[in-house]
């Protein structure tokens, strides 16, 4: 059971939203880029729209006329409902044409805000192997 209340977000709810968001943000192909960007922006906080949209547009422009796709295999998740942060780990694979050209372990961090009864994404980054945060979608 999941409960949504004005007092905060339950761990279970944040986990469900994170799982869906990871699938949405980390799986994309040239044919779905417009839908992908529109869907990601629909869950982004208004205060983060400009920054995240700029990052998404870079990806769209890079991938639009290519045959490059990516998919993420989720292997683990850590949820911090108190600080509204979730971390997903798994394997990020890049496909060019029909050939997998890379498949590497990656960790992604999602930052959220909860206002009223609305949970919105305010930040997203990839943890670097040496523990430094950097990069975006």
Protein backbone atom coordinates (compact mmCIF):
# COMPACT_ATOMS: atom_id res chain seq x y z
CA UNK A 1 0.00 0.00 0.00
CA UNK A 2 1.10 3.51 -0.84
CA UNK A 3 -0.09 6.58 1.03
CA UNK A 4 0.28 10.13 -0.21
CA UNK A 5 -0.09 12.88 2.38
CA UNK A 6 0.72 16.55 2.63
CA UNK A 7 3.15 15.75 5.45
CA UNK A 8 5.62 13.97 3.18
CA UNK A 9 6.41 11.12 0.84
CA UNK A 10 6.58 7.52 1.97
CA UNK A 11 9.60 5.44 1.13
CA UNK A 12 7.40 3.06 -0.88
CA UNK A 13 5.93 5.85 -2.99
CA UNK A 14 9.34 7.38 -3.70
CA UNK A 15 10.64 3.94 -4.69
CA UNK A 16 7.78 3.43 -7.17
CA UNK A 17 8.25 6.87 -8.70
CA UNK A 18 12.02 6.40 -8.89
CA UNK A 19 11.68 3.06 -10.65
CA UNK A 20 9.40 4.58 -13.30
CA UNK A 21 11.57 7.66 -13.64
CA UNK A 22 14.74 5.60 -14.12
CA UNK A 23 13.06 3.60 -16.88
CA UNK A 24 11.83 6.81 -18.50
CA UNK A 25 15.03 8.84 -18.28
CA UNK A 26 17.57 6.12 -19.08
CA UNK A 27 15.90 4.31 -21.98
CA UNK A 28 15.77 6.20 -25.25
CA UNK A 29 16.13 5.85 -28.99
CA UNK A 30 16.17 8.34 -31.87
CA UNK A 31 12.56 7.52 -32.78
CA UNK A 32 11.23 8.34 -29.31
CA UNK A 33 13.21 11.49 -28.47
CA UNK A 34 10.31 13.95 -28.69
CA UNK A 35 8.08 11.78 -26.51
CA UNK A 36 11.01 11.13 -24.16
CA UNK A 37 11.76 14.82 -23.65
CA UNK A 38 8.08 15.76 -23.21
CA UNK A 39 7.58 12.95 -20.68
CA UNK A 40 10.66 13.83 -18.64
CA UNK A 41 9.73 17.52 -18.54
CA UNK A 42 6.22 16.58 -17.31
CA UNK A 43 7.71 15.31 -14.02
CA UNK A 44 10.22 18.15 -13.54
CA UNK A 45 9.64 20.91 -11.01
CA UNK A 46 8.92 24.32 -12.58
CA UNK A 47 12.01 25.74 -10.84
CA UNK A 48 14.25 23.17 -12.58
CA UNK A 49 12.58 23.22 -16.02
CA UNK A 50 15.12 25.52 -17.70
CA UNK A 51 18.24 23.67 -16.58
CA UNK A 52 16.89 20.20 -17.23
CA UNK A 53 15.35 21.17 -20.58
CA UNK A 54 18.74 22.53 -21.72
CA UNK A 55 20.37 19.20 -20.81
CA UNK A 56 17.64 17.25 -22.60
CA UNK A 57 17.94 19.38 -25.73
CA UNK A 58 21.67 18.62 -25.93
CA UNK A 59 20.87 14.91 -25.89
CA UNK A 60 18.07 15.27 -28.44
CA UNK A 61 20.31 17.24 -30.82
CA UNK A 62 23.10 14.70 -30.41
CA UNK A 63 20.92 11.65 -30.95
CA UNK A 64 18.24 12.88 -33.37
CA UNK A 65 19.80 11.74 -36.66
CA UNK A 66 21.82 8.88 -35.30
CA UNK A 67 21.22 5.18 -34.89
CA UNK A 68 22.27 5.31 -31.23
CA UNK A 69 19.97 4.07 -28.47
CA UNK A 70 20.51 3.33 -24.81
CA UNK A 71 18.89 1.11 -22.25
CA UNK A 72 19.34 0.67 -18.52
CA UNK A 73 19.13 -2.58 -16.59
CA UNK A 74 18.20 -1.69 -13.01
CA UNK A 75 20.12 -3.73 -10.43
CA UNK A 76 19.57 -1.82 -7.20
CA UNK A 77 18.02 1.20 -5.59
CA UNK A 78 18.51 3.26 -2.44
CA UNK A 79 15.73 5.52 -1.24
CA UNK A 80 16.09 8.42 1.19
CA UNK A 81 12.52 9.68 1.69
CA UNK A 82 13.61 12.10 4.41
CA UNK A 83 16.00 13.98 2.07
CA UNK A 84 13.95 13.22 -1.08
CA UNK A 85 16.81 11.57 -2.91
CA UNK A 86 16.97 8.25 -4.68
CA UNK A 87 19.90 6.41 -6.18
CA UNK A 88 19.70 3.70 -8.82
CA UNK A 89 22.48 1.39 -9.88
CA UNK A 90 22.64 -0.88 -12.86
CA UNK A 91 24.10 -1.41 -16.28
CA UNK A 92 23.82 1.33 -18.91
CA UNK A 93 24.12 -0.07 -22.41
CA UNK A 94 24.60 1.88 -25.63
CA UNK A 95 23.50 0.42 -28.94
CA UNK A 96 24.55 1.69 -32.37
CA UNK A 97 22.48 0.16 -35.10
CA UNK A 98 21.87 -3.30 -33.70
CA UNK A 99 25.21 -3.73 -31.94
CA UNK A 100 25.82 -3.10 -28.24
CA UNK A 101 28.93 -0.92 -28.20
CA UNK A 102 29.16 -0.44 -24.45
CA UNK A 103 27.63 -1.84 -21.31
CA UNK A 104 28.95 -0.32 -18.10
CA UNK A 105 27.88 -0.20 -14.46
CA UNK A 106 26.48 3.21 -13.57
CA UNK A 107 24.86 4.96 -10.64
CA UNK A 108 22.33 7.76 -11.08
CA UNK A 109 21.03 10.11 -8.42
CA UNK A 110 17.58 11.68 -8.54
CA UNK A 111 16.69 14.69 -6.37
CA UNK A 112 13.06 15.49 -5.68
CA UNK A 113 10.88 18.16 -4.12
CA UNK A 114 7.51 17.60 -2.51
CA UNK A 115 5.09 20.49 -2.33
CA UNK A 116 1.49 20.09 -1.32
CA UNK A 117 0.66 16.71 -2.81
CA UNK A 118 3.07 16.87 -5.75
CA UNK A 119 6.41 15.09 -6.11
CA UNK A 120 8.61 16.66 -8.79
CA UNK A 121 12.12 16.02 -10.10
CA UNK A 122 14.56 18.86 -9.40
CA UNK A 123 17.85 17.24 -10.33
CA UNK A 124 19.42 14.22 -11.93
CA UNK A 125 23.06 13.27 -12.19
CA UNK A 126 25.37 10.36 -12.82
CA UNK A 127 27.80 9.47 -10.05
CA UNK A 128 31.29 9.23 -11.44
CA UNK A 129 33.27 6.06 -10.69
CA UNK A 130 35.54 7.97 -8.30
CA UNK A 131 32.53 9.18 -6.31
CA UNK A 132 32.33 12.65 -7.86
CA UNK A 133 28.97 13.76 -9.13
CA UNK A 134 28.81 15.00 -12.63
CA UNK A 135 27.09 14.76 -15.91
CA UNK A 136 23.40 14.67 -16.43
CA UNK A 137 20.96 12.61 -18.38
